[in-house]
């Protein structure tokens, strides 16, 4: 499971051969969430409210990058790192 971004202690990962809908995994300490790329809805798990806000802000800014990496992951190609929040 490649880590494609890391910011404020949050890891963003995407798995090869993962199921639809297109999504990414956010990990913050012991918290884990699966987040839809299209609407940034939390599909599974949870994160603390502050982490949710940061992940949503980052996801809105990088939706196209996330979709590009999703397509690469589906074909088992190397994923590109995505810029963190600053």
C-alpha atoms as a PDB file:
ATOM      1  CA  UNK A   1       0.000   0.000   0.000  1.00  0.00           C
ATOM      2  CA  UNK A   2       1.907   3.014  -1.231  1.00  0.00           C
ATOM      3  CA  UNK A   3       1.853   6.195   0.814  1.00  0.00           C
ATOM      4  CA  UNK A   4       1.201   8.975  -1.678  1.00  0.00           C
ATOM      5  CA  UNK A   5       1.210  11.873   0.794  1.00  0.00           C
ATOM      6  CA  UNK A   6       2.059  12.706   4.389  1.00  0.00           C
ATOM      7  CA  UNK A   7       1.082  15.889   6.247  1.00  0.00           C
ATOM      8  CA  UNK A   8       0.454  16.865   9.883  1.00  0.00           C
ATOM      9  CA  UNK A   9       0.862  13.249  10.983  1.00  0.00           C
ATOM     10  CA  UNK A  10      -1.723  12.017   8.456  1.00  0.00           C
ATOM     11  CA  UNK A  11      -0.780   9.335   5.940  1.00  0.00           C
ATOM     12  CA  UNK A  12      -2.658   9.105   2.651  1.00  0.00           C
ATOM     13  CA  UNK A  13      -2.436   5.706   1.003  1.00  0.00           C
ATOM     14  CA  UNK A  14      -3.870   3.980  -2.023  1.00  0.00           C
ATOM     15  CA  UNK A  15      -3.942   0.229  -2.518  1.00  0.00           C
ATOM     16  CA  UNK A  16      -3.384  -1.684  -5.738  1.00  0.00           C
ATOM     17  CA  UNK A  17      -6.419  -3.670  -6.957  1.00  0.00           C
ATOM     18  CA  UNK A  18      -8.736  -1.934  -4.503  1.00  0.00           C
ATOM     19  CA  UNK A  19     -12.519  -2.030  -5.037  1.00  0.00           C
ATOM     20  CA  UNK A  20     -14.696   0.713  -6.527  1.00  0.00           C
ATOM     21  CA  UNK A  21     -15.712   3.464  -5.943  1.00  0.00           C
ATOM     22  CA  UNK A  22     -12.392   5.312  -6.365  1.00  0.00           C
ATOM     23  CA  UNK A  23     -11.092   6.143  -2.900  1.00  0.00           C
ATOM     24  CA  UNK A  24      -8.044   6.608  -0.702  1.00  0.00           C
ATOM     25  CA  UNK A  25      -7.123   5.623   2.828  1.00  0.00           C
ATOM     26  CA  UNK A  26      -6.295   8.209   5.503  1.00  0.00           C
ATOM     27  CA  UNK A  27      -4.460   7.091   8.630  1.00  0.00           C
ATOM     28  CA  UNK A  28      -3.910   9.279  11.682  1.00  0.00           C
ATOM     29  CA  UNK A  29      -2.498   7.481  14.716  1.00  0.00           C
ATOM     30  CA  UNK A  30      -4.906   4.663  15.548  1.00  0.00           C
ATOM     31  CA  UNK A  31      -7.654   6.184  13.366  1.00  0.00           C
ATOM     32  CA  UNK A  32      -8.285   4.973   9.827  1.00  0.00           C
ATOM     33  CA  UNK A  33     -10.806   6.056   7.208  1.00  0.00           C
ATOM     34  CA  UNK A  34     -11.627   5.189   3.611  1.00  0.00           C
ATOM     35  CA  UNK A  35     -12.597   8.324   1.692  1.00  0.00           C
ATOM     36  CA  UNK A  36     -14.331   8.630  -1.678  1.00  0.00           C
ATOM     37  CA  UNK A  37     -12.398  10.695  -4.212  1.00  0.00           C
ATOM     38  CA  UNK A  38     -15.533  11.999  -5.969  1.00  0.00           C
ATOM     39  CA  UNK A  39     -17.413  13.525  -3.036  1.00  0.00           C
ATOM     40  CA  UNK A  40     -14.894  13.096  -0.174  1.00  0.00           C
ATOM     41  CA  UNK A  41     -17.438  11.136   1.852  1.00  0.00           C
ATOM     42  CA  UNK A  42     -16.088   8.846   4.560  1.00  0.00           C
ATOM     43  CA  UNK A  43     -17.000   5.362   3.342  1.00  0.00           C
ATOM     44  CA  UNK A  44     -15.589   3.455   6.347  1.00  0.00           C
ATOM     45  CA  UNK A  45     -13.854   4.189   9.610  1.00  0.00           C
ATOM     46  CA  UNK A  46     -13.353   7.534  11.272  1.00  0.00           C
ATOM     47  CA  UNK A  47     -10.882  10.304  12.001  1.00  0.00           C
ATOM     48  CA  UNK A  48     -10.839  13.048  14.634  1.00  0.00           C
ATOM     49  CA  UNK A  49     -12.703  16.187  13.451  1.00  0.00           C
ATOM     50  CA  UNK A  50      -9.541  18.270  12.923  1.00  0.00           C
ATOM     51  CA  UNK A  51      -7.970  15.491  10.815  1.00  0.00           C
ATOM     52  CA  UNK A  52     -11.197  15.181   8.783  1.00  0.00           C
ATOM     53  CA  UNK A  53     -11.031  18.901   7.991  1.00  0.00           C
ATOM     54  CA  UNK A  54      -7.402  18.678   6.884  1.00  0.00           C
ATOM     55  CA  UNK A  55      -8.014  15.595   4.748  1.00  0.00           C
ATOM     56  CA  UNK A  56     -11.067  17.210   3.098  1.00  0.00           C
ATOM     57  CA  UNK A  57      -9.124  20.394   2.323  1.00  0.00           C
ATOM     58  CA  UNK A  58      -6.271  18.353   0.848  1.00  0.00           C
ATOM     59  CA  UNK A  59      -8.658  16.083  -1.099  1.00  0.00           C
ATOM     60  CA  UNK A  60     -10.490  19.034  -2.705  1.00  0.00           C
ATOM     61  CA  UNK A  61      -7.162  20.528  -3.798  1.00  0.00           C
ATOM     62  CA  UNK A  62      -5.870  17.238  -5.268  1.00  0.00           C
ATOM     63  CA  UNK A  63      -8.928  15.456  -6.688  1.00  0.00           C
ATOM     64  CA  UNK A  64      -7.404  15.208 -10.189  1.00  0.00           C
ATOM     65  CA  UNK A  65      -4.112  13.892  -8.790  1.00  0.00           C
ATOM     66  CA  UNK A  66      -6.015  11.295  -6.758  1.00  0.00           C
ATOM     67  CA  UNK A  67      -7.976  10.126  -9.798  1.00  0.00           C
ATOM     68  CA  UNK A  68      -4.736   9.842 -11.790  1.00  0.00           C
ATOM     69  CA  UNK A  69      -3.166   7.699  -9.051  1.00  0.00           C
ATOM     70  CA  UNK A  70      -6.371   5.617  -8.785  1.00  0.00           C
ATOM     71  CA  UNK A  71      -6.119   4.792 -12.496  1.00  0.00           C
ATOM     72  CA  UNK A  72      -2.432   3.923 -12.123  1.00  0.00           C
ATOM     73  CA  UNK A  73      -3.123   1.688  -9.109  1.00  0.00           C
ATOM     74  CA  UNK A  74      -5.827  -0.197 -11.010  1.00  0.00           C
ATOM     75  CA  UNK A  75      -3.221  -1.071 -13.682  1.00  0.00           C
ATOM     76  CA  UNK A  76      -0.516  -1.832 -11.082  1.00  0.00           C
ATOM     77  CA  UNK A  77       1.710   1.058 -12.161  1.00  0.00           C
ATOM     78  CA  UNK A  78       3.793   3.214  -9.836  1.00  0.00           C
ATOM     79  CA  UNK A  79       1.856   5.980  -8.152  1.00  0.00           C
ATOM     80  CA  UNK A  80       2.939   9.595  -8.063  1.00  0.00           C
ATOM     81  CA  UNK A  81       3.450  11.357  -4.737  1.00  0.00           C
ATOM     82  CA  UNK A  82       0.991  14.199  -4.158  1.00  0.00           C
ATOM     83  CA  UNK A  83       1.936  17.501  -2.533  1.00  0.00           C
ATOM     84  CA  UNK A  84       1.004  17.841   1.151  1.00  0.00           C
ATOM     85  CA  UNK A  85      -0.901  20.691   2.788  1.00  0.00           C
ATOM     86  CA  UNK A  86       1.368  23.517   3.801  1.00  0.00           C
END
